[in-house]
Amino acid sequence: MIDKNINPKQTLQEKLNQETAKISWKSLQKFFAAGNAIYISTELDLVQVAIAISEDNGQQVETWMEAGLVDVVLDGQALSWYEDDVMVWAVVIRPWVLVQGISSASQEECK
């Protein structure tokens, strides 16, 4: 029996929360090389951005892009993360891998 009281957006949010993980940037190189790594500013909630992208909310994503809060991972950022062996938050919204830096204090906890 289907529970008609389930909020589909809440279910998607819960699913994405469970699929979000800390991972070494070095482990994501193939996605970066393919142009499928998307930078998400730490000013945004990674899961909320993932929801907007999965729901094809182009207007919201465009607003974030214009503000510089969402963009492809640029070469300089990728190199810096690689050289510093950085851990990032990541979630997959096919074909994209959304990545968000982790604060320095959190970086130390991950090592």
C-alpha atoms as a PDB file:
ATOM      1  CA  MET A   1       0.000   0.000   0.000  1.00  0.00           C
ATOM      2  CA  ILE A   2       1.329   3.447  -0.933  1.00  0.00           C
ATOM      3  CA  ASP A   3       1.345   6.067   1.809  1.00  0.00           C
ATOM      4  CA  LYS A   4      -0.265   9.134   0.220  1.00  0.00           C
ATOM      5  CA  ASN A   5       1.126  11.320   3.032  1.00  0.00           C
ATOM      6  CA  ILE A   6       4.726  10.875   1.862  1.00  0.00           C
ATOM      7  CA  ASN A   7       6.178  14.102   0.518  1.00  0.00           C
ATOM      8  CA  PRO A   8       8.129  13.175  -2.669  1.00  0.00           C
ATOM      9  CA  LYS A   9      10.537  16.097  -2.190  1.00  0.00           C
ATOM     10  CA  GLN A  10      11.251  14.963   1.372  1.00  0.00           C
ATOM     11  CA  THR A  11      11.883  11.443   0.108  1.00  0.00           C
ATOM     12  CA  LEU A  12      14.327  12.784  -2.517  1.00  0.00           C
ATOM     13  CA  GLN A  13      16.042  14.891   0.131  1.00  0.00           C
ATOM     14  CA  GLU A  14      16.409  11.879   2.410  1.00  0.00           C
ATOM     15  CA  LYS A  15      17.733   9.756  -0.462  1.00  0.00           C
ATOM     16  CA  LEU A  16      20.312  12.395  -1.443  1.00  0.00           C
ATOM     17  CA  ASN A  17      21.358  12.890   2.181  1.00  0.00           C
ATOM     18  CA  GLN A  18      22.082   9.171   2.375  1.00  0.00           C
ATOM     19  CA  GLU A  19      24.042   9.256  -0.894  1.00  0.00           C
ATOM     20  CA  THR A  20      26.171  12.270   0.043  1.00  0.00           C
ATOM     21  CA  ALA A  21      29.646  11.354   1.239  1.00  0.00           C
ATOM     22  CA  LYS A  22      33.091  12.700   1.995  1.00  0.00           C
ATOM     23  CA  ILE A  23      35.543  11.490  -0.625  1.00  0.00           C
ATOM     24  CA  SER A  24      39.052  12.319  -1.718  1.00  0.00           C
ATOM     25  CA  TRP A  25      39.160  14.726  -4.660  1.00  0.00           C
ATOM     26  CA  LYS A  26      41.767  12.418  -6.204  1.00  0.00           C
ATOM     27  CA  SER A  27      39.089   9.698  -6.412  1.00  0.00           C
ATOM     28  CA  LEU A  28      36.950  11.955  -8.605  1.00  0.00           C
ATOM     29  CA  GLN A  29      39.532  12.708 -11.304  1.00  0.00           C
ATOM     30  CA  LYS A  30      37.749  10.751 -14.047  1.00  0.00           C
ATOM     31  CA  PHE A  31      34.612  12.856 -13.527  1.00  0.00           C
ATOM     32  CA  PHE A  32      36.642  16.061 -13.623  1.00  0.00           C
ATOM     33  CA  ALA A  33      38.450  14.908 -16.790  1.00  0.00           C
ATOM     34  CA  ALA A  34      35.081  14.183 -18.424  1.00  0.00           C
ATOM     35  CA  GLY A  35      33.796  17.670 -17.521  1.00  0.00           C
ATOM     36  CA  ASN A  36      31.193  16.226 -15.156  1.00  0.00           C
ATOM     37  CA  ALA A  37      32.424  17.643 -11.831  1.00  0.00           C
ATOM     38  CA  ILE A  38      30.304  20.572 -10.652  1.00  0.00           C
ATOM     39  CA  TYR A  39      31.537  22.949  -7.956  1.00  0.00           C
ATOM     40  CA  ILE A  40      29.021  23.963  -5.292  1.00  0.00           C
ATOM     41  CA  SER A  41      29.938  26.882  -3.025  1.00  0.00           C
ATOM     42  CA  THR A  42      29.988  26.251   0.708  1.00  0.00           C
ATOM     43  CA  GLU A  43      27.417  29.064   0.928  1.00  0.00           C
ATOM     44  CA  LEU A  44      24.844  26.618  -0.461  1.00  0.00           C
ATOM     45  CA  ASP A  45      23.370  23.399   0.868  1.00  0.00           C
ATOM     46  CA  LEU A  46      24.756  20.628  -1.346  1.00  0.00           C
ATOM     47  CA  VAL A  47      21.599  18.526  -1.096  1.00  0.00           C
ATOM     48  CA  GLN A  48      19.323  21.457  -1.973  1.00  0.00           C
ATOM     49  CA  VAL A  49      21.408  22.129  -5.095  1.00  0.00           C
ATOM     50  CA  ALA A  50      21.246  18.439  -5.983  1.00  0.00           C
ATOM     51  CA  ILE A  51      17.456  18.549  -5.638  1.00  0.00           C
ATOM     52  CA  ALA A  52      17.223  21.618  -7.894  1.00  0.00           C
ATOM     53  CA  ILE A  53      19.371  19.927 -10.544  1.00  0.00           C
ATOM     54  CA  SER A  54      17.519  16.615 -10.330  1.00  0.00           C
ATOM     55  CA  GLU A  55      14.196  18.437 -10.679  1.00  0.00           C
ATOM     56  CA  ASP A  56      15.561  20.398 -13.658  1.00  0.00           C
ATOM     57  CA  ASN A  57      15.004  23.747 -11.903  1.00  0.00           C
ATOM     58  CA  GLY A  58      17.028  25.644 -14.479  1.00  0.00           C
ATOM     59  CA  GLN A  59      15.999  29.070 -13.241  1.00  0.00           C
ATOM     60  CA  GLN A  60      17.378  28.440  -9.740  1.00  0.00           C
ATOM     61  CA  VAL A  61      20.549  26.791 -11.034  1.00  0.00           C
ATOM     62  CA  GLU A  62      21.115  29.697 -13.435  1.00  0.00           C
ATOM     63  CA  THR A  63      20.719  32.180 -10.572  1.00  0.00           C
ATOM     64  CA  TRP A  64      23.361  30.298  -8.569  1.00  0.00           C
ATOM     65  CA  MET A  65      25.646  30.136 -11.610  1.00  0.00           C
ATOM     66  CA  GLU A  66      25.344  33.858 -12.262  1.00  0.00           C
ATOM     67  CA  ALA A  67      26.273  34.478  -8.622  1.00  0.00           C
ATOM     68  CA  GLY A  68      29.322  32.205  -8.960  1.00  0.00           C
ATOM     69  CA  LEU A  69      27.922  29.708  -6.457  1.00  0.00           C
ATOM     70  CA  VAL A  70      27.625  26.804  -8.924  1.00  0.00           C
ATOM     71  CA  ASP A  71      29.995  26.130 -11.818  1.00  0.00           C
ATOM     72  CA  VAL A  72      32.084  23.420 -13.395  1.00  0.00           C
ATOM     73  CA  VAL A  73      35.174  22.681 -11.325  1.00  0.00           C
ATOM     74  CA  LEU A  74      37.828  24.919 -12.832  1.00  0.00           C
ATOM     75  CA  ASP A  75      41.354  23.714 -13.567  1.00  0.00           C
ATOM     76  CA  GLY A  76      42.936  25.859 -10.838  1.00  0.00           C
ATOM     77  CA  GLN A  77      40.533  24.603  -8.180  1.00  0.00           C
ATOM     78  CA  ALA A  78      40.997  21.006  -9.292  1.00  0.00           C
ATOM     79  CA  LEU A  79      44.793  21.320  -9.185  1.00  0.00           C
ATOM     80  CA  SER A  80      44.719  22.928  -5.740  1.00  0.00           C
ATOM     81  CA  TRP A  81      42.433  20.219  -4.362  1.00  0.00           C
ATOM     82  CA  TYR A  82      44.605  17.521  -5.966  1.00  0.00           C
ATOM     83  CA  GLU A  83      47.917  18.898  -4.661  1.00  0.00           C
ATOM     84  CA  ASP A  84      46.475  19.396  -1.159  1.00  0.00           C
ATOM     85  CA  ASP A  85      44.878  15.914  -1.188  1.00  0.00           C
ATOM     86  CA  VAL A  86      41.553  17.481  -0.217  1.00  0.00           C
ATOM     87  CA  MET A  87      38.430  15.670   0.909  1.00  0.00           C
ATOM     88  CA  VAL A  88      35.177  17.002  -0.561  1.00  0.00           C
ATOM     89  CA  TRP A  89      31.498  16.399  -0.035  1.00  0.00           C
ATOM     90  CA  ALA A  90      30.077  14.738  -3.128  1.00  0.00           C
ATOM     91  CA  VAL A  91      26.753  13.520  -4.449  1.00  0.00           C
ATOM     92  CA  VAL A  92      25.908  12.106  -7.869  1.00  0.00           C
ATOM     93  CA  ILE A  93      23.128  13.535 -10.032  1.00  0.00           C
ATOM     94  CA  ARG A  94      23.857  11.726 -13.272  1.00  0.00           C
ATOM     95  CA  PRO A  95      25.836  12.550 -15.268  1.00  0.00           C
ATOM     96  CA  TRP A  96      27.136  15.099 -12.776  1.00  0.00           C
ATOM     97  CA  VAL A  97      29.125  14.719  -9.592  1.00  0.00           C
ATOM     98  CA  LEU A  98      28.440  17.709  -7.373  1.00  0.00           C
ATOM     99  CA  VAL A  99      31.391  18.564  -5.138  1.00  0.00           C
ATOM    100  CA  GLN A 100      31.724  20.979  -2.280  1.00  0.00           C
ATOM    101  CA  GLY A 101      34.833  21.841  -0.325  1.00  0.00           C
ATOM    102  CA  ILE A 102      35.056  20.920   3.334  1.00  0.00           C
ATOM    103  CA  SER A 103      36.298  23.442   5.878  1.00  0.00           C
ATOM    104  CA  SER A 104      39.918  23.138   7.064  1.00  0.00           C
ATOM    105  CA  ALA A 105      38.849  21.950  10.513  1.00  0.00           C
ATOM    106  CA  SER A 106      36.710  19.222   8.951  1.00  0.00           C
ATOM    107  CA  GLN A 107      39.594  18.288   6.651  1.00  0.00           C
ATOM    108  CA  GLU A 108      41.749  17.445   9.654  1.00  0.00           C
ATOM    109  CA  GLU A 109      38.983  15.256  11.104  1.00  0.00           C
ATOM    110  CA  CYS A 110      38.816  13.286   7.826  1.00  0.00           C
ATOM    111  CA  LYS A 111      42.547  12.362   7.840  1.00  0.00           C
END
